[in-house]
């Protein structure tokens, strides 16, 4: 119904942005990584999904069409509502979600708060054929499993999955693929 919104960020809180467009402020729930990089009074374009319930209309927004489409697939899984789907996209980057589904690794989804092993298995079963058409495991092999190992290492040190993802995203793109070096760089994020 509402495919995208372009406007200026008027306000933000822990879960959403208010995007001002033609005198109307729309509250849009967005993934945590987007919240942390969004600045007030700046233009933004979001690809949206309108969740309709009996007593509520909620907008969910994403930077990329691919994220919105994945969100829409996630909410089709029995037991996964918009809030949990948004939590998944806040915790795991899109390539890691594809890797978890195609590689049949439910333990990756189990890191997301509110997702148990049964739900993770159900997600993989439901999404496997739908996502496999877009990417093969060979195409995703370029996505380093080092990122999965880094999340494991950082969470075992007591950091949350969201903190671990933020630290991993701070690692320079040209950093070596060596796990020890990447862990050292990720830990610098917390010290800096």
N, C-alpha and C. Protein backbone atom coordinates (compact mmCIF):
# COMPACT_ATOMS: atom_id res chain seq x y z
N UNK A 1 0.82 -1.19 0.00
CA UNK A 1 0.00 0.00 0.00
C UNK A 1 0.87 1.26 0.00
N UNK A 2 1.79 1.38 0.95
CA UNK A 2 2.76 2.48 0.96
C UNK A 2 4.11 1.85 0.68
N UNK A 3 4.63 2.01 -0.52
CA UNK A 3 5.85 1.31 -0.94
C UNK A 3 7.12 2.01 -0.48
N UNK A 4 7.10 3.34 -0.43
CA UNK A 4 8.29 4.06 0.00
C UNK A 4 7.90 5.44 0.50
N UNK A 5 8.80 6.02 1.28
CA UNK A 5 8.58 7.36 1.82
C UNK A 5 9.89 8.12 1.71
N UNK A 6 9.77 9.35 1.25
CA UNK A 6 10.93 10.23 1.16
C UNK A 6 10.59 11.50 1.94
N UNK A 7 11.47 11.87 2.84
CA UNK A 7 11.21 13.06 3.64
C UNK A 7 12.40 13.40 4.51
N UNK A 8 12.15 14.18 5.54
CA UNK A 8 13.20 14.62 6.44
C UNK A 8 12.97 14.00 7.82
N UNK A 9 14.06 13.57 8.45
CA UNK A 9 13.96 12.96 9.78
C UNK A 9 13.67 14.06 10.79
N UNK A 10 12.48 14.04 11.38
CA UNK A 10 12.07 15.06 12.34
C UNK A 10 12.37 14.65 13.78
N UNK A 11 12.34 13.34 14.05
CA UNK A 11 12.59 12.85 15.41
C UNK A 11 12.98 11.38 15.34
N UNK A 12 13.59 10.91 16.42
CA UNK A 12 13.87 9.48 16.52
C UNK A 12 13.90 9.08 17.97
N UNK A 13 13.58 7.80 18.21
CA UNK A 13 13.67 7.23 19.56
C UNK A 13 14.40 5.90 19.46
N UNK A 14 14.24 5.04 20.43
CA UNK A 14 14.97 3.77 20.45
C UNK A 14 14.53 2.78 19.38
N UNK A 15 13.35 2.97 18.79
CA UNK A 15 12.81 1.98 17.86
C UNK A 15 12.37 2.55 16.52
N UNK A 16 12.17 3.87 16.45
CA UNK A 16 11.55 4.41 15.25
C UNK A 16 12.07 5.80 14.91
N UNK A 17 11.73 6.19 13.68
CA UNK A 17 11.99 7.54 13.19
C UNK A 17 10.66 8.20 12.89
N UNK A 18 10.62 9.51 13.01
CA UNK A 18 9.47 10.26 12.51
C UNK A 18 9.96 10.98 11.27
N UNK A 19 9.37 10.63 10.13
CA UNK A 19 9.77 11.22 8.85
C UNK A 19 8.69 12.22 8.44
N UNK A 20 9.12 13.46 8.26
CA UNK A 20 8.24 14.55 7.88
C UNK A 20 8.13 14.60 6.36
N UNK A 21 6.90 14.53 5.85
CA UNK A 21 6.68 14.58 4.41
C UNK A 21 5.41 15.38 4.15
N UNK A 22 5.54 16.50 3.48
CA UNK A 22 4.40 17.36 3.13
C UNK A 22 3.55 17.72 4.35
N UNK A 23 4.20 18.05 5.44
CA UNK A 23 3.50 18.47 6.64
C UNK A 23 2.95 17.33 7.48
N UNK A 24 3.21 16.10 7.09
CA UNK A 24 2.74 14.94 7.86
C UNK A 24 3.95 14.22 8.42
N UNK A 25 3.92 13.93 9.72
CA UNK A 25 4.99 13.17 10.36
C UNK A 25 4.57 11.72 10.50
N UNK A 26 5.32 10.83 9.88
CA UNK A 26 5.00 9.40 9.93
C UNK A 26 5.99 8.67 10.83
N UNK A 27 5.47 7.94 11.81
CA UNK A 27 6.34 7.12 12.66
C UNK A 27 6.62 5.82 11.91
N UNK A 28 7.92 5.54 11.73
CA UNK A 28 8.33 4.35 10.97
C UNK A 28 9.32 3.57 11.82
N UNK A 29 9.01 2.32 12.09
CA UNK A 29 9.92 1.45 12.84
C UNK A 29 11.01 0.96 11.90
N UNK A 30 12.25 1.10 12.33
CA UNK A 30 13.39 0.76 11.47
C UNK A 30 14.38 -0.12 12.23
N UNK A 31 15.25 -0.86 11.52
CA UNK A 31 16.27 -1.67 12.18
C UNK A 31 17.25 -0.79 12.98
N UNK A 32 17.77 -1.35 14.05
CA UNK A 32 18.69 -0.63 14.94
C UNK A 32 19.90 -0.04 14.22
N UNK A 33 20.57 -0.76 13.32
CA UNK A 33 21.72 -0.15 12.64
C UNK A 33 21.36 1.13 11.88
N UNK A 34 20.18 1.18 11.30
CA UNK A 34 19.74 2.39 10.60
C UNK A 34 19.50 3.53 11.59
N UNK A 35 18.92 3.22 12.74
CA UNK A 35 18.69 4.24 13.77
C UNK A 35 20.00 4.89 14.20
N UNK A 36 21.03 4.07 14.37
CA UNK A 36 22.29 4.60 14.89
C UNK A 36 23.01 5.49 13.88
N UNK A 37 22.72 5.35 12.59
CA UNK A 37 23.41 6.15 11.59
C UNK A 37 22.57 7.32 11.07
N UNK A 38 21.32 7.40 11.46
CA UNK A 38 20.42 8.44 10.97
C UNK A 38 20.57 9.71 11.80
N UNK A 39 20.65 10.83 11.11
CA UNK A 39 20.76 12.13 11.77
C UNK A 39 19.46 12.91 11.60
N UNK A 40 19.13 13.71 12.61
CA UNK A 40 17.94 14.55 12.56
C UNK A 40 18.09 15.62 11.48
N UNK A 41 16.96 16.05 10.95
CA UNK A 41 16.87 17.12 9.95
C UNK A 41 17.63 16.80 8.66
N UNK A 42 17.80 15.52 8.35
CA UNK A 42 18.44 15.09 7.11
C UNK A 42 17.41 14.38 6.24
N UNK A 43 17.55 14.48 4.93
CA UNK A 43 16.62 13.75 4.05
C UNK A 43 16.88 12.24 4.12
N UNK A 44 15.81 11.49 3.95
CA UNK A 44 15.91 10.03 3.98
C UNK A 44 14.87 9.44 3.05
N UNK A 45 15.21 8.32 2.45
CA UNK A 45 14.26 7.54 1.65
C UNK A 45 14.19 6.15 2.26
N UNK A 46 12.98 5.71 2.56
CA UNK A 46 12.78 4.39 3.15
C UNK A 46 11.80 3.58 2.30
N UNK A 47 12.11 2.30 2.14
CA UNK A 47 11.19 1.37 1.48
C UNK A 47 10.38 0.75 2.60
N UNK A 48 9.07 0.81 2.49
CA UNK A 48 8.22 0.52 3.65
C UNK A 48 7.31 -0.69 3.46
N UNK A 49 6.88 -1.17 4.62
CA UNK A 49 5.88 -2.23 4.70
C UNK A 49 4.84 -1.76 5.71
N UNK A 50 3.58 -1.77 5.33
CA UNK A 50 2.50 -1.38 6.22
C UNK A 50 1.90 -2.64 6.84
N UNK A 51 2.03 -2.76 8.16
CA UNK A 51 1.45 -3.90 8.88
C UNK A 51 0.07 -3.49 9.38
N UNK A 52 -0.95 -4.22 8.96
CA UNK A 52 -2.33 -3.91 9.31
C UNK A 52 -2.83 -4.93 10.32
N UNK A 53 -3.26 -4.45 11.46
CA UNK A 53 -3.88 -5.29 12.49
C UNK A 53 -5.27 -4.72 12.77
N UNK A 54 -6.06 -5.43 13.55
CA UNK A 54 -7.41 -4.97 13.86
C UNK A 54 -7.43 -3.58 14.48
N UNK A 55 -6.48 -3.34 15.38
CA UNK A 55 -6.49 -2.09 16.13
C UNK A 55 -5.25 -1.22 15.90
N UNK A 56 -4.46 -1.54 14.87
CA UNK A 56 -3.20 -0.84 14.71
C UNK A 56 -2.71 -0.87 13.26
N UNK A 57 -2.20 0.25 12.79
CA UNK A 57 -1.48 0.33 11.52
C UNK A 57 -0.06 0.75 11.86
N UNK A 58 0.93 -0.04 11.45
CA UNK A 58 2.33 0.29 11.74
C UNK A 58 3.14 0.25 10.46
N UNK A 59 4.03 1.24 10.32
CA UNK A 59 4.92 1.29 9.16
C UNK A 59 6.30 0.82 9.57
N UNK A 60 6.90 -0.02 8.75
CA UNK A 60 8.26 -0.50 8.97
C UNK A 60 9.08 -0.05 7.76
N UNK A 61 10.24 0.53 8.01
CA UNK A 61 11.02 1.09 6.92
C UNK A 61 12.43 0.54 6.84
N UNK A 62 12.97 0.50 5.62
CA UNK A 62 14.28 -0.09 5.36
C UNK A 62 15.01 0.74 4.31
N UNK A 63 16.34 0.74 4.39
CA UNK A 63 17.17 1.49 3.44
C UNK A 63 17.14 0.88 2.04
N UNK A 64 17.03 -0.45 1.98
CA UNK A 64 17.12 -1.15 0.70
C UNK A 64 15.87 -1.98 0.47
N UNK A 65 15.51 -2.12 -0.80
CA UNK A 65 14.36 -2.94 -1.19
C UNK A 65 14.58 -4.38 -0.74
N UNK A 66 15.82 -4.87 -0.86
CA UNK A 66 16.16 -6.23 -0.46
C UNK A 66 15.81 -6.49 1.01
N UNK A 67 16.08 -5.50 1.88
CA UNK A 67 15.76 -5.65 3.31
C UNK A 67 14.25 -5.72 3.52
N UNK A 68 13.51 -4.83 2.82
CA UNK A 68 12.06 -4.85 2.97
C UNK A 68 11.48 -6.17 2.48
N UNK A 69 11.97 -6.66 1.34
CA UNK A 69 11.46 -7.92 0.80
C UNK A 69 11.74 -9.08 1.75
N UNK A 70 12.92 -9.08 2.36
CA UNK A 70 13.25 -10.13 3.33
C UNK A 70 12.36 -10.02 4.56
N UNK A 71 12.11 -8.80 5.03
CA UNK A 71 11.19 -8.56 6.14
C UNK A 71 9.82 -9.15 5.83
N UNK A 72 9.33 -8.91 4.62
CA UNK A 72 8.02 -9.41 4.22
C UNK A 72 7.99 -10.94 4.18
N UNK A 73 9.10 -11.56 3.81
CA UNK A 73 9.17 -13.03 3.85
C UNK A 73 9.20 -13.53 5.30
N UNK A 74 9.94 -12.83 6.15
CA UNK A 74 10.05 -13.24 7.55
C UNK A 74 8.69 -13.22 8.25
N UNK A 75 7.87 -12.19 8.01
CA UNK A 75 6.58 -12.10 8.70
C UNK A 75 5.59 -13.15 8.21
N UNK A 76 5.88 -13.81 7.10
CA UNK A 76 5.02 -14.90 6.62
C UNK A 76 5.26 -16.20 7.38
N UNK A 77 6.38 -16.27 8.11
CA UNK A 77 6.68 -17.47 8.88
C UNK A 77 5.77 -17.50 10.10
N UNK A 78 5.12 -18.63 10.34
CA UNK A 78 4.24 -18.77 11.48
C UNK A 78 5.00 -18.49 12.78
N UNK A 79 4.46 -17.60 13.59
CA UNK A 79 5.09 -17.27 14.87
C UNK A 79 6.03 -16.08 14.80
N UNK A 80 6.27 -15.55 13.61
CA UNK A 80 7.14 -14.38 13.45
C UNK A 80 6.28 -13.19 13.07
N UNK A 81 6.16 -12.25 13.99
CA UNK A 81 5.43 -11.03 13.71
C UNK A 81 6.38 -9.93 13.27
N UNK A 82 5.84 -8.76 12.98
CA UNK A 82 6.68 -7.66 12.52
C UNK A 82 7.78 -7.26 13.51
N UNK A 83 7.48 -7.28 14.80
CA UNK A 83 8.49 -6.87 15.80
C UNK A 83 9.66 -7.85 15.83
N UNK A 84 9.38 -9.14 15.78
CA UNK A 84 10.47 -10.12 15.79
C UNK A 84 11.23 -10.07 14.47
N UNK A 85 10.52 -9.90 13.36
CA UNK A 85 11.20 -9.79 12.06
C UNK A 85 12.14 -8.57 12.05
N UNK A 86 11.69 -7.47 12.65
CA UNK A 86 12.53 -6.28 12.74
C UNK A 86 13.73 -6.54 13.65
N UNK A 87 13.51 -7.29 14.71
CA UNK A 87 14.60 -7.66 15.62
C UNK A 87 15.64 -8.51 14.90
N UNK A 88 15.19 -9.41 14.03
CA UNK A 88 16.11 -10.24 13.25
C UNK A 88 16.97 -9.36 12.35
N UNK A 89 16.33 -8.42 11.65
CA UNK A 89 17.06 -7.54 10.75
C UNK A 89 17.91 -6.52 11.51
N UNK A 90 17.60 -6.27 12.77
CA UNK A 90 18.41 -5.39 13.60
C UNK A 90 19.65 -6.11 14.10
N UNK A 91 19.53 -7.41 14.28
CA UNK A 91 20.61 -8.20 14.87
C UNK A 91 21.54 -8.80 13.83
N UNK A 92 20.98 -9.29 12.73
CA UNK A 92 21.77 -9.98 11.71
C UNK A 92 21.76 -9.22 10.39
N UNK A 93 22.91 -9.03 9.77
CA UNK A 93 22.90 -8.42 8.43
C UNK A 93 22.25 -9.36 7.41
N UNK A 94 21.68 -8.78 6.37
CA UNK A 94 20.96 -9.56 5.36
C UNK A 94 21.79 -10.72 4.80
N UNK A 95 23.06 -10.51 4.42
CA UNK A 95 23.82 -11.65 3.88
C UNK A 95 23.94 -12.81 4.89
N UNK A 96 24.05 -12.48 6.18
CA UNK A 96 24.16 -13.53 7.19
C UNK A 96 22.84 -14.31 7.31
N UNK A 97 21.72 -13.63 7.12
CA UNK A 97 20.41 -14.30 7.15
C UNK A 97 20.32 -15.28 5.98
N UNK A 98 20.72 -14.82 4.79
CA UNK A 98 20.72 -15.71 3.63
C UNK A 98 21.64 -16.91 3.87
N UNK A 99 22.81 -16.62 4.44
CA UNK A 99 23.76 -17.70 4.70
C UNK A 99 23.19 -18.70 5.70
N UNK A 100 22.50 -18.21 6.73
CA UNK A 100 21.91 -19.10 7.72
C UNK A 100 20.82 -19.98 7.11
N UNK A 101 20.00 -19.38 6.25
CA UNK A 101 18.90 -20.13 5.63
C UNK A 101 19.42 -21.15 4.62
N UNK A 102 20.24 -20.69 3.70
CA UNK A 102 20.71 -21.58 2.63
C UNK A 102 21.67 -22.63 3.17
N UNK A 103 22.50 -22.24 4.15
CA UNK A 103 23.43 -23.19 4.77
C UNK A 103 22.80 -24.02 5.87
N UNK A 104 21.50 -23.78 6.13
CA UNK A 104 20.74 -24.50 7.16
C UNK A 104 21.46 -24.46 8.51
N UNK A 105 21.67 -23.24 9.02
CA UNK A 105 22.35 -23.02 10.29
C UNK A 105 21.42 -22.31 11.27
N UNK A 106 20.54 -23.04 11.95
CA UNK A 106 19.59 -22.41 12.87
C UNK A 106 20.26 -21.71 14.05
N UNK A 107 21.48 -22.12 14.38
CA UNK A 107 22.17 -21.50 15.51
C UNK A 107 22.41 -20.01 15.29
N UNK A 108 22.48 -19.59 14.05
CA UNK A 108 22.65 -18.15 13.77
C UNK A 108 21.40 -17.40 14.19
N UNK A 109 20.22 -17.92 13.86
CA UNK A 109 18.96 -17.27 14.25
C UNK A 109 18.74 -17.32 15.76
N UNK A 110 19.26 -18.35 16.40
CA UNK A 110 19.06 -18.51 17.84
C UNK A 110 19.73 -17.40 18.64
N UNK A 111 20.63 -16.64 18.01
CA UNK A 111 21.28 -15.51 18.69
C UNK A 111 20.35 -14.32 18.84
N UNK A 112 19.29 -14.29 18.06
CA UNK A 112 18.36 -13.16 18.08
C UNK A 112 17.45 -13.30 19.30
N UNK A 113 17.32 -12.25 20.12
CA UNK A 113 16.43 -12.32 21.27
C UNK A 113 15.00 -12.65 20.83
N UNK A 114 14.39 -13.63 21.50
CA UNK A 114 13.03 -14.04 21.18
C UNK A 114 12.94 -15.18 20.18
N UNK A 115 14.08 -15.63 19.65
CA UNK A 115 14.08 -16.75 18.69
C UNK A 115 14.71 -17.96 19.35
N UNK A 116 13.91 -18.99 19.53
CA UNK A 116 14.43 -20.24 20.06
C UNK A 116 14.81 -21.18 18.93
N UNK A 117 15.30 -22.35 19.29
CA UNK A 117 15.76 -23.31 18.29
C UNK A 117 14.61 -23.79 17.39
N UNK A 118 13.43 -24.03 17.98
CA UNK A 118 12.28 -24.50 17.18
C UNK A 118 11.87 -23.45 16.14
N UNK A 119 11.81 -22.20 16.57
CA UNK A 119 11.43 -21.12 15.65
C UNK A 119 12.49 -20.96 14.57
N UNK A 120 13.75 -21.07 14.95
CA UNK A 120 14.84 -20.96 13.98
C UNK A 120 14.73 -22.06 12.92
N UNK A 121 14.44 -23.29 13.35
CA UNK A 121 14.26 -24.41 12.41
C UNK A 121 13.08 -24.15 11.47
N UNK A 122 11.99 -23.62 12.05
CA UNK A 122 10.79 -23.33 11.26
C UNK A 122 11.10 -22.26 10.20
N UNK A 123 11.86 -21.24 10.59
CA UNK A 123 12.23 -20.18 9.65
C UNK A 123 13.04 -20.74 8.48
N UNK A 124 14.00 -21.57 8.81
CA UNK A 124 14.86 -22.16 7.76
C UNK A 124 14.02 -23.02 6.82
N UNK A 125 13.14 -23.82 7.39
CA UNK A 125 12.28 -24.68 6.57
C UNK A 125 11.40 -23.85 5.63
N UNK A 126 10.81 -22.79 6.17
CA UNK A 126 9.91 -21.95 5.36
C UNK A 126 10.67 -21.15 4.31
N UNK A 127 11.81 -20.56 4.69
CA UNK A 127 12.51 -19.63 3.81
C UNK A 127 13.47 -20.30 2.82
N UNK A 128 13.83 -21.54 3.07
CA UNK A 128 14.88 -22.18 2.28
C UNK A 128 14.61 -22.11 0.77
N UNK A 129 13.46 -22.56 0.33
CA UNK A 129 13.15 -22.58 -1.10
C UNK A 129 12.92 -21.18 -1.65
N UNK A 130 12.38 -20.28 -0.82
CA UNK A 130 12.10 -18.92 -1.29
C UNK A 130 13.37 -18.12 -1.50
N UNK A 131 14.36 -18.30 -0.63
CA UNK A 131 15.60 -17.54 -0.74
C UNK A 131 16.62 -18.20 -1.64
N UNK A 132 16.54 -19.51 -1.76
CA UNK A 132 17.52 -20.24 -2.57
C UNK A 132 17.46 -19.81 -4.03
N UNK A 133 16.30 -19.40 -4.48
CA UNK A 133 16.16 -18.96 -5.87
C UNK A 133 17.01 -17.71 -6.15
N UNK A 134 17.22 -16.88 -5.12
CA UNK A 134 17.98 -15.65 -5.31
C UNK A 134 19.49 -15.88 -5.25
N UNK A 135 19.94 -16.69 -4.33
CA UNK A 135 21.36 -16.92 -4.14
C UNK A 135 21.62 -18.41 -3.96
N UNK A 136 22.77 -18.86 -4.43
CA UNK A 136 23.19 -20.21 -4.12
C UNK A 136 24.23 -20.12 -3.01
N UNK A 137 24.52 -21.23 -2.37
CA UNK A 137 25.51 -21.25 -1.29
C UNK A 137 26.88 -20.83 -1.81
N UNK A 138 27.17 -21.18 -3.07
CA UNK A 138 28.46 -20.79 -3.66
C UNK A 138 28.56 -19.28 -3.79
N UNK A 139 27.46 -18.63 -4.16
CA UNK A 139 27.47 -17.17 -4.28
C UNK A 139 27.66 -16.52 -2.92
N UNK A 140 27.14 -17.16 -1.90
CA UNK A 140 27.25 -16.60 -0.55
C UNK A 140 28.57 -16.98 0.12
N UNK A 141 29.36 -17.84 -0.52
CA UNK A 141 30.61 -18.25 0.11
C UNK A 141 31.56 -17.08 0.26
N UNK A 142 31.33 -16.00 -0.50
CA UNK A 142 32.12 -14.79 -0.34
C UNK A 142 31.82 -14.07 0.96
N UNK A 143 30.69 -14.40 1.58
CA UNK A 143 30.35 -13.81 2.87
C UNK A 143 31.14 -14.57 3.92
N UNK A 144 32.04 -13.90 4.59
CA UNK A 144 32.93 -14.62 5.48
C UNK A 144 32.21 -15.25 6.66
N UNK A 145 32.52 -16.53 6.89
CA UNK A 145 32.03 -17.17 8.09
C UNK A 145 32.77 -16.59 9.29
N UNK A 146 33.81 -15.80 9.00
CA UNK A 146 34.54 -15.10 10.05
C UNK A 146 33.58 -14.21 10.83
N UNK A 147 32.60 -13.60 10.14
CA UNK A 147 31.63 -12.73 10.82
C UNK A 147 30.83 -13.53 11.86
N UNK A 148 30.45 -14.74 11.51
CA UNK A 148 29.73 -15.59 12.45
C UNK A 148 30.62 -15.93 13.64
N UNK A 149 31.88 -16.27 13.36
CA UNK A 149 32.82 -16.59 14.43
C UNK A 149 33.09 -15.37 15.30
N UNK A 150 33.14 -14.19 14.69
CA UNK A 150 33.36 -12.96 15.46
C UNK A 150 32.18 -12.68 16.39
N UNK A 151 30.97 -12.86 15.90
CA UNK A 151 29.80 -12.67 16.75
C UNK A 151 29.86 -13.63 17.94
N UNK A 152 30.20 -14.89 17.67
CA UNK A 152 30.34 -15.87 18.75
C UNK A 152 31.38 -15.43 19.77
N UNK A 153 32.54 -15.00 19.28
CA UNK A 153 33.63 -14.59 20.17
C UNK A 153 33.23 -13.39 21.02
N UNK A 154 32.63 -12.40 20.39
CA UNK A 154 32.26 -11.17 21.12
C UNK A 154 31.13 -11.43 22.12
N UNK A 155 30.16 -12.25 21.74
CA UNK A 155 29.07 -12.55 22.68
C UNK A 155 29.58 -13.40 23.85
N UNK A 156 30.58 -14.25 23.60
CA UNK A 156 31.14 -15.04 24.71
C UNK A 156 31.94 -14.15 25.66
N UNK A 157 32.36 -12.97 25.18
CA UNK A 157 33.05 -12.01 26.04
C UNK A 157 32.07 -11.12 26.81
N UNK A 158 30.77 -11.32 26.56
CA UNK A 158 29.77 -10.59 27.33
C UNK A 158 29.07 -9.47 26.58
N UNK A 159 29.43 -9.24 25.33
CA UNK A 159 28.77 -8.20 24.55
C UNK A 159 27.47 -8.76 23.96
N UNK A 160 26.49 -7.88 23.76
CA UNK A 160 25.24 -8.32 23.15
C UNK A 160 25.47 -8.54 21.65
N UNK A 161 24.52 -9.20 21.00
CA UNK A 161 24.63 -9.45 19.57
C UNK A 161 24.62 -8.13 18.81
N UNK A 162 23.81 -7.18 19.25
CA UNK A 162 23.75 -5.87 18.59
C UNK A 162 25.08 -5.14 18.74
N UNK A 163 25.67 -5.18 19.94
CA UNK A 163 26.99 -4.55 20.14
C UNK A 163 28.04 -5.23 19.27
N UNK A 164 27.98 -6.56 19.20
CA UNK A 164 28.93 -7.30 18.38
C UNK A 164 28.80 -6.91 16.91
N UNK A 165 27.56 -6.79 16.42
CA UNK A 165 27.36 -6.40 15.02
C UNK A 165 27.89 -4.99 14.76
N UNK A 166 27.67 -4.07 15.70
CA UNK A 166 28.17 -2.71 15.54
C UNK A 166 29.70 -2.71 15.47
N UNK A 167 30.34 -3.51 16.31
CA UNK A 167 31.81 -3.61 16.32
C UNK A 167 32.31 -4.21 15.00
N UNK A 168 31.63 -5.23 14.51
CA UNK A 168 32.03 -5.87 13.26
C UNK A 168 31.88 -4.90 12.09
N UNK A 169 30.82 -4.11 12.10
CA UNK A 169 30.62 -3.14 11.03
C UNK A 169 31.67 -2.04 11.05
N UNK A 170 32.30 -1.81 12.22
CA UNK A 170 33.33 -0.77 12.31
C UNK A 170 34.69 -1.23 11.76
N UNK A 171 34.83 -2.53 11.50
CA UNK A 171 36.09 -3.06 10.98
C UNK A 171 36.27 -2.56 9.55
N UNK A 172 37.46 -2.02 9.23
CA UNK A 172 37.69 -1.53 7.85
C UNK A 172 37.48 -2.63 6.82
N UNK A 173 36.97 -2.25 5.67
CA UNK A 173 36.68 -3.20 4.60
C UNK A 173 37.93 -3.93 4.11
N UNK A 174 39.08 -3.25 4.17
CA UNK A 174 40.31 -3.86 3.67
C UNK A 174 41.09 -4.63 4.74
N UNK A 175 40.45 -4.87 5.87
CA UNK A 175 41.11 -5.63 6.95
C UNK A 175 41.30 -7.08 6.51
N UNK A 176 42.38 -7.73 6.98
CA UNK A 176 42.60 -9.13 6.61
C UNK A 176 41.49 -10.04 7.16
N UNK A 177 41.31 -11.20 6.53
CA UNK A 177 40.26 -12.14 6.94
C UNK A 177 40.64 -12.97 8.16
N UNK A 178 41.83 -12.78 8.68
CA UNK A 178 42.30 -13.50 9.85
C UNK A 178 41.41 -13.20 11.05
N UNK A 179 40.87 -14.24 11.70
CA UNK A 179 39.92 -14.07 12.80
C UNK A 179 40.53 -13.30 13.97
N UNK A 180 41.79 -13.58 14.31
CA UNK A 180 42.42 -12.90 15.44
C UNK A 180 42.56 -11.41 15.18
N UNK A 181 42.96 -11.05 13.97
CA UNK A 181 43.13 -9.64 13.61
C UNK A 181 41.78 -8.92 13.61
N UNK A 182 40.77 -9.57 13.08
CA UNK A 182 39.44 -8.97 13.05
C UNK A 182 38.87 -8.82 14.45
N UNK A 183 39.13 -9.78 15.32
CA UNK A 183 38.68 -9.68 16.70
C UNK A 183 39.37 -8.51 17.40
N UNK A 184 40.67 -8.35 17.15
CA UNK A 184 41.42 -7.23 17.74
C UNK A 184 40.81 -5.90 17.28
N UNK A 185 40.52 -5.78 15.99
CA UNK A 185 39.93 -4.55 15.45
C UNK A 185 38.53 -4.31 16.02
N UNK A 186 37.76 -5.38 16.18
CA UNK A 186 36.41 -5.25 16.74
C UNK A 186 36.47 -4.79 18.19
N UNK A 187 37.43 -5.30 18.95
CA UNK A 187 37.57 -4.89 20.35
C UNK A 187 38.01 -3.43 20.47
N UNK A 188 38.72 -2.93 19.47
CA UNK A 188 39.10 -1.51 19.48
C UNK A 188 37.87 -0.62 19.42
N UNK A 189 36.81 -1.10 18.81
CA UNK A 189 35.55 -0.34 18.74
C UNK A 189 35.04 -0.03 20.14
N UNK A 190 35.16 -0.99 21.06
CA UNK A 190 34.68 -0.79 22.42
C UNK A 190 35.64 0.07 23.25
N UNK A 191 36.90 0.09 22.88
CA UNK A 191 37.88 0.88 23.63
C UNK A 191 37.97 2.32 23.14
N UNK A 192 37.50 2.55 21.92
CA UNK A 192 37.65 3.87 21.30
C UNK A 192 36.52 4.76 21.62
